[in-house]
Amino acid sequence: MFFVSLVMFVTAVGAIAVFGLNFGVDFKGGSVLRLEFHNSRPSVEELRGVLAGMTELKDKELNINLAGDKEAMIRTDVLSEEEHQKVISGLALRFNGAGMVERQFDSIGPVVGEELRNKSFVAIIIVLAAIMLYIAIVFRKLSGTLSLWAMNAATVIALLHDIIIPLGVFAVLGHFLGVQISAIFVAAILTILGYTVSDKVVIFDRVRENILRGSKEDLGEVVHKSVMQTLVRSVNNTLTVLLSSVAIFLFGGDSIKYFALALILGVALGAYSSIFVASPLLVWLSNRRRI
């Protein structure tokens, strides 16, 4: 299973290196325009055809998504207020009978976007550091029997596995389908870290209980028994989250669709890595440390 995980991880890293992450307006700056059409909403192709012909949008990146039954989200490079008004006027003139109403217009400068991106990376690093500190405190009584370094390393490697692979998937989706990484994706990553670490801690906690009860089996047997004792709990919790996330992905709006997809990938990988990555790594690293 290490080989399977390694292949997925390396493939994801390769996709990120080759395709890069398609950052949205939140991270690289730009403008977001949300429109509502009360009568008949034009298609993406119709909107793109009109916008592409506007002088104000010439040579600017353009991303259009439909939301709900009546709304359309238009993302582009930073627009001045004058350009914004000309775009609105041009759309209103072209789709005169569609009952178009502007619901939102936001602009984020590239400096602000870069700052938000950097803060997002810092937030993820802080969460990983806090998790390591938490494990060191909670399992300190095992320091004489089980290496806290091995436990922390196994947890962090498994968590990186849980977030790097979804990033690789989104790199591919961004390259071929134009899916963008926004601030809500960072919220999904932090949620994945918070949720999946609990799965790993539950297994490690059962390992601690079995060791403190005086089990005479070697570490591999103790970890295997602990995984089996917590397996039903892990599967049931994961399925509960997956069912709700799939429902959001299928029936929710476009604004949270890819948040749900990131959760689906991360939570499923978290359950997998707790059993097939973190637990075997704990045994392997602990045995190497003894050697």
Protein backbone atom coordinates (compact mmCIF):
# COMPACT_ATOMS: atom_id res chain seq x y z
CA MET A 1 0.00 0.00 0.00
CA PHE A 2 3.01 2.29 0.45
CA PHE A 3 3.66 1.85 -3.27
CA VAL A 4 0.06 2.82 -4.14
CA SER A 5 0.26 5.90 -1.90
CA LEU A 6 3.67 6.85 -3.28
CA VAL A 7 2.45 6.60 -6.88
CA MET A 8 -0.57 8.81 -6.11
CA PHE A 9 1.58 11.32 -4.23
CA VAL A 10 4.28 11.55 -6.92
CA THR A 11 1.63 11.84 -9.65
CA ALA A 12 -0.05 14.69 -7.75
CA VAL A 13 3.26 16.51 -7.24
CA GLY A 14 4.03 16.03 -10.94
CA ALA A 15 0.65 17.48 -11.94
CA ILE A 16 1.23 20.53 -9.72
CA ALA A 17 4.74 21.01 -11.16
CA VAL A 18 3.64 20.61 -14.79
CA PHE A 19 0.24 22.35 -14.79
CA GLY A 20 0.56 24.60 -11.75
CA LEU A 21 -2.37 25.72 -9.64
CA ASN A 22 -4.98 27.86 -11.36
CA PHE A 23 -5.36 30.55 -8.68
CA GLY A 24 -8.56 32.54 -8.75
CA VAL A 25 -9.24 36.21 -8.17
CA ASP A 26 -8.81 35.81 -4.40
CA PHE A 27 -5.12 34.92 -4.80
CA LYS A 28 -3.87 36.69 -7.91
CA GLY A 29 -6.11 39.73 -7.98
CA GLY A 30 -8.91 40.60 -10.36
CA SER A 31 -12.59 41.47 -10.49
CA VAL A 32 -15.71 39.39 -9.86
CA LEU A 33 -19.06 40.39 -11.32
CA ARG A 34 -22.23 38.56 -10.26
CA LEU A 35 -25.29 39.05 -12.46
CA GLU A 36 -28.86 37.84 -12.12
CA PHE A 37 -31.17 37.34 -15.11
CA HIS A 38 -34.84 37.37 -14.13
CA ASN A 39 -36.30 36.41 -17.52
CA SER A 40 -33.92 34.27 -19.58
CA ARG A 41 -30.31 33.66 -18.64
CA PRO A 42 -27.90 33.56 -21.60
CA SER A 43 -25.52 30.63 -22.00
CA VAL A 44 -21.83 30.78 -21.17
CA GLU A 45 -21.03 30.87 -24.89
CA GLU A 46 -23.34 33.85 -25.46
CA LEU A 47 -21.85 35.77 -22.54
CA ARG A 48 -18.31 34.97 -23.64
CA GLY A 49 -19.05 36.07 -27.20
CA VAL A 50 -20.31 39.48 -26.04
CA LEU A 51 -17.56 40.03 -23.45
CA ALA A 52 -14.75 38.94 -25.75
CA GLY A 53 -15.75 41.66 -28.21
CA MET A 54 -15.50 44.47 -25.64
CA THR A 55 -12.45 46.72 -25.78
CA GLU A 56 -12.36 46.87 -21.96
CA LEU A 57 -11.75 43.11 -21.76
CA LYS A 58 -9.27 42.80 -24.61
CA ASP A 59 -6.23 40.69 -23.66
CA LYS A 60 -7.74 40.02 -20.21
CA GLU A 61 -8.34 36.59 -18.73
CA LEU A 62 -12.03 35.74 -18.67
CA ASN A 63 -13.78 33.03 -16.66
CA ILE A 64 -17.57 32.58 -16.69
CA ASN A 65 -19.62 30.23 -14.49
CA LEU A 66 -23.35 29.82 -14.09
CA ALA A 67 -24.79 29.70 -10.57
CA GLY A 68 -28.24 28.46 -9.64
CA ASP A 69 -31.02 29.00 -12.16
CA LYS A 70 -30.63 32.71 -12.80
CA GLU A 71 -27.13 33.89 -11.94
CA ALA A 72 -23.82 34.13 -13.76
CA MET A 73 -20.37 34.78 -12.25
CA ILE A 74 -17.83 36.62 -14.41
CA ARG A 75 -14.18 36.70 -13.26
CA THR A 76 -11.55 38.72 -15.05
CA ASP A 77 -8.45 40.81 -14.47
CA VAL A 78 -8.81 43.98 -12.40
CA LEU A 79 -11.36 46.39 -13.89
CA SER A 80 -11.51 50.08 -13.13
CA GLU A 81 -14.88 51.57 -12.21
CA GLU A 82 -15.14 53.09 -15.70
CA GLU A 83 -14.45 49.72 -17.35
CA HIS A 84 -16.89 48.05 -14.97
CA GLN A 85 -19.70 50.43 -15.96
CA LYS A 86 -18.98 49.97 -19.68
CA VAL A 87 -19.11 46.19 -19.31
CA ILE A 88 -22.46 46.40 -17.49
CA SER A 89 -23.87 48.77 -20.10
CA GLY A 90 -22.72 46.52 -22.95
CA LEU A 91 -24.29 43.42 -21.39
CA ALA A 92 -27.54 45.25 -20.58
CA LEU A 93 -27.77 46.48 -24.19
CA ARG A 94 -27.06 43.04 -25.69
CA PHE A 95 -29.41 41.14 -23.35
CA ASN A 96 -32.06 43.82 -23.16
CA GLY A 97 -34.99 41.49 -22.52
CA ALA A 98 -33.25 39.16 -20.07
CA GLY A 99 -34.03 41.26 -16.98
CA MET A 100 -30.37 41.59 -16.00
CA VAL A 101 -29.54 42.93 -12.53
CA GLU A 102 -26.06 43.41 -11.09
CA ARG A 103 -25.83 41.74 -7.67
CA GLN A 104 -22.13 42.06 -6.82
CA PHE A 105 -18.91 43.62 -8.02
CA ASP A 106 -15.63 43.11 -6.16
CA SER A 107 -12.07 43.91 -7.14
CA ILE A 108 -8.90 42.65 -5.46
CA GLY A 109 -5.50 44.08 -6.37
CA PRO A 110 -2.61 41.71 -7.14
CA VAL A 111 -0.73 42.78 -3.98
CA VAL A 112 -3.71 41.91 -1.75
CA GLY A 113 -4.16 38.63 -3.61
CA GLU A 114 -0.53 37.66 -3.11
CA GLU A 115 -0.74 38.56 0.60
CA LEU A 116 -3.83 36.38 1.01
CA ARG A 117 -2.09 33.51 -0.77
CA ASN A 118 0.95 33.78 1.50
CA LYS A 119 -1.25 33.93 4.59
CA SER A 120 -3.07 30.81 3.44
CA PHE A 121 0.20 28.87 3.22
CA VAL A 122 1.21 30.17 6.65
CA ALA A 123 -2.17 29.08 8.08
CA ILE A 124 -1.65 25.53 6.79
CA ILE A 125 1.88 25.40 8.27
CA ILE A 126 0.60 26.69 11.63
CA VAL A 127 -2.12 24.03 11.68
CA LEU A 128 0.44 21.27 11.01
CA ALA A 129 2.71 22.63 13.76
CA ALA A 130 -0.22 22.81 16.20
CA ILE A 131 -1.12 19.21 15.39
CA MET A 132 2.44 18.09 16.13
CA LEU A 133 2.38 19.94 19.46
CA TYR A 134 -1.00 18.42 20.32
CA ILE A 135 0.26 14.89 19.65
CA ALA A 136 3.41 15.51 21.70
CA ILE A 137 1.30 16.66 24.69
CA VAL A 138 -1.45 14.03 24.47
CA PHE A 139 0.88 11.05 24.00
CA ARG A 140 3.72 12.21 26.27
CA LYS A 141 3.16 9.22 28.63
CA LEU A 142 4.28 6.92 25.81
CA SER A 143 7.61 8.66 25.32
CA GLY A 144 9.42 5.83 27.11
CA THR A 145 7.73 3.12 25.03
CA LEU A 146 6.89 4.72 21.71
CA SER A 147 8.79 7.46 19.88
CA LEU A 148 6.84 10.73 19.79
CA TRP A 149 9.05 11.72 16.86
CA ALA A 150 7.83 8.67 14.91
CA MET A 151 4.21 9.43 15.82
CA ASN A 152 4.51 13.06 14.74
CA ALA A 153 6.34 12.18 11.51
CA ALA A 154 3.76 9.50 10.61
CA THR A 155 0.91 11.94 11.23
CA VAL A 156 2.39 14.86 9.27
CA ILE A 157 3.40 12.68 6.30
CA ALA A 158 -0.11 11.19 6.18
CA LEU A 159 -1.68 14.66 6.39
CA LEU A 160 0.52 15.92 3.56
CA HIS A 161 -0.64 12.88 1.59
CA ASP A 162 -4.25 13.95 2.29
CA ILE A 163 -3.83 17.50 0.97
CA ILE A 164 -1.21 17.15 -1.78
CA ILE A 165 -3.23 14.60 -3.77
CA PRO A 166 -6.37 16.83 -3.88
CA LEU A 167 -4.11 19.73 -4.93
CA GLY A 168 -2.84 17.54 -7.78
CA VAL A 169 -6.40 16.75 -8.83
CA PHE A 170 -7.27 20.46 -8.83
CA ALA A 171 -4.13 21.23 -10.84
CA VAL A 172 -5.42 18.87 -13.54
CA LEU A 173 -8.97 20.27 -13.31
CA GLY A 174 -7.60 23.81 -13.50
CA HIS A 175 -5.55 23.01 -16.61
CA PHE A 176 -8.25 21.17 -18.56
CA LEU A 177 -11.53 22.58 -17.16
CA GLY A 178 -10.48 25.99 -15.86
CA VAL A 179 -11.33 25.19 -12.22
CA GLN A 180 -9.78 27.85 -10.00
CA ILE A 181 -8.27 27.72 -6.52
CA SER A 182 -10.03 30.29 -4.33
CA ALA A 183 -10.10 31.17 -0.63
CA ILE A 184 -12.87 28.64 -0.09
CA PHE A 185 -10.46 25.90 -1.22
CA VAL A 186 -8.10 26.89 1.60
CA ALA A 187 -11.04 26.50 4.00
CA ALA A 188 -11.54 23.01 2.58
CA ILE A 189 -7.85 22.13 3.11
CA LEU A 190 -7.95 23.32 6.73
CA THR A 191 -11.17 21.37 7.27
CA ILE A 192 -9.54 18.24 5.83
CA LEU A 193 -6.54 18.64 8.15
CA GLY A 194 -8.76 19.12 11.19
CA TYR A 195 -11.05 16.23 10.35
CA THR A 196 -8.62 13.60 9.15
CA VAL A 197 -6.14 14.12 12.00
CA SER A 198 -8.86 13.02 14.41
CA ASP A 199 -9.02 9.68 12.58
CA LYS A 200 -5.30 9.19 13.09
CA VAL A 201 -5.40 10.31 16.72
CA VAL A 202 -8.18 7.80 17.48
CA ILE A 203 -6.00 4.96 16.19
CA PHE A 204 -2.92 6.22 18.04
CA ASP A 205 -5.00 6.63 21.19
CA ARG A 206 -6.08 3.00 20.96
CA VAL A 207 -2.43 2.04 20.50
CA ARG A 208 -1.66 3.97 23.68
CA GLU A 209 -4.43 2.18 25.60
CA ASN A 210 -3.28 -1.23 24.44
CA ILE A 211 0.34 -0.49 25.39
CA LEU A 212 -0.58 0.96 28.80
CA ARG A 213 -2.69 -2.13 29.51
CA GLY A 214 0.52 -4.11 29.41
CA SER A 215 0.24 -5.76 25.98
CA LYS A 216 3.25 -8.04 25.37
CA GLU A 217 2.83 -8.16 21.57
CA ASP A 218 5.31 -6.39 19.32
CA LEU A 219 4.43 -2.92 18.05
CA GLY A 220 3.25 -4.15 14.66
CA GLU A 221 0.68 -6.47 16.23
CA VAL A 222 -0.47 -3.77 18.67
CA VAL A 223 -0.98 -1.22 15.87
CA HIS A 224 -2.79 -3.80 13.69
CA LYS A 225 -5.12 -4.72 16.57
CA SER A 226 -5.76 -1.01 17.28
CA VAL A 227 -6.64 -0.34 13.63
CA MET A 228 -9.10 -3.25 13.60
CA GLN A 229 -10.69 -2.07 16.86
CA THR A 230 -11.34 1.40 15.44
CA LEU A 231 -12.07 0.39 11.83
CA VAL A 232 -15.88 0.41 12.05
CA ARG A 233 -15.87 3.82 13.72
CA SER A 234 -13.57 5.25 11.04
CA VAL A 235 -15.58 3.84 8.13
CA ASN A 236 -18.93 5.01 9.56
CA ASN A 237 -17.67 8.55 10.26
CA THR A 238 -16.10 8.81 6.81
CA LEU A 239 -19.22 7.58 5.03
CA THR A 240 -21.36 10.10 6.92
CA VAL A 241 -19.20 13.01 5.77
CA LEU A 242 -18.89 11.64 2.23
CA LEU A 243 -22.66 11.28 1.81
CA SER A 244 -23.31 14.88 2.85
CA SER A 245 -20.38 16.18 0.75
CA VAL A 246 -21.54 14.28 -2.35
CA ALA A 247 -25.03 15.76 -1.87
CA ILE A 248 -23.53 19.27 -1.72
CA PHE A 249 -21.40 18.58 -4.80
CA LEU A 250 -24.35 17.29 -6.84
CA PHE A 251 -27.10 19.65 -5.71
CA GLY A 252 -25.32 22.69 -4.20
CA GLY A 253 -24.50 25.89 -6.00
CA ASP A 254 -21.37 26.48 -8.05
CA SER A 255 -19.85 28.62 -5.29
CA ILE A 256 -19.44 25.60 -2.97
CA LYS A 257 -19.32 22.80 -5.55
CA TYR A 258 -15.55 22.49 -5.58
CA PHE A 259 -15.33 23.01 -1.83
CA ALA A 260 -17.42 19.84 -1.57
CA LEU A 261 -15.22 18.05 -4.12
CA ALA A 262 -12.08 18.92 -2.12
CA LEU A 263 -13.76 17.58 1.02
CA ILE A 264 -14.75 14.35 -0.75
CA LEU A 265 -11.19 13.74 -1.90
CA GLY A 266 -9.56 14.79 1.37
CA VAL A 267 -11.86 12.90 3.72
CA ALA A 268 -11.68 9.70 1.65
CA LEU A 269 -7.89 9.96 1.47
CA GLY A 270 -7.79 10.71 5.21
CA ALA A 271 -9.58 7.48 6.07
CA TYR A 272 -7.29 5.57 3.71
CA SER A 273 -4.08 7.17 4.99
CA SER A 274 -4.99 6.59 8.65
CA ILE A 275 -4.98 2.84 8.00
CA PHE A 276 -2.49 2.39 5.17
CA VAL A 277 -0.04 5.27 5.65
CA ALA A 278 0.07 6.66 9.20
CA SER A 279 -0.24 3.34 11.05
CA PRO A 280 2.39 1.39 9.03
CA LEU A 281 4.69 4.43 9.10
CA LEU A 282 4.44 4.53 12.89
CA VAL A 283 5.64 0.93 13.08
CA TRP A 284 8.34 1.34 10.41
CA LEU A 285 9.78 4.57 11.87
CA SER A 286 9.70 3.23 15.42
CA ASN A 287 11.53 0.04 14.40
CA ARG A 288 14.14 2.02 12.47
CA ARG A 289 14.69 4.27 15.48
CA ARG A 290 15.37 1.23 17.66
CA ILE A 291 17.87 -0.05 15.10
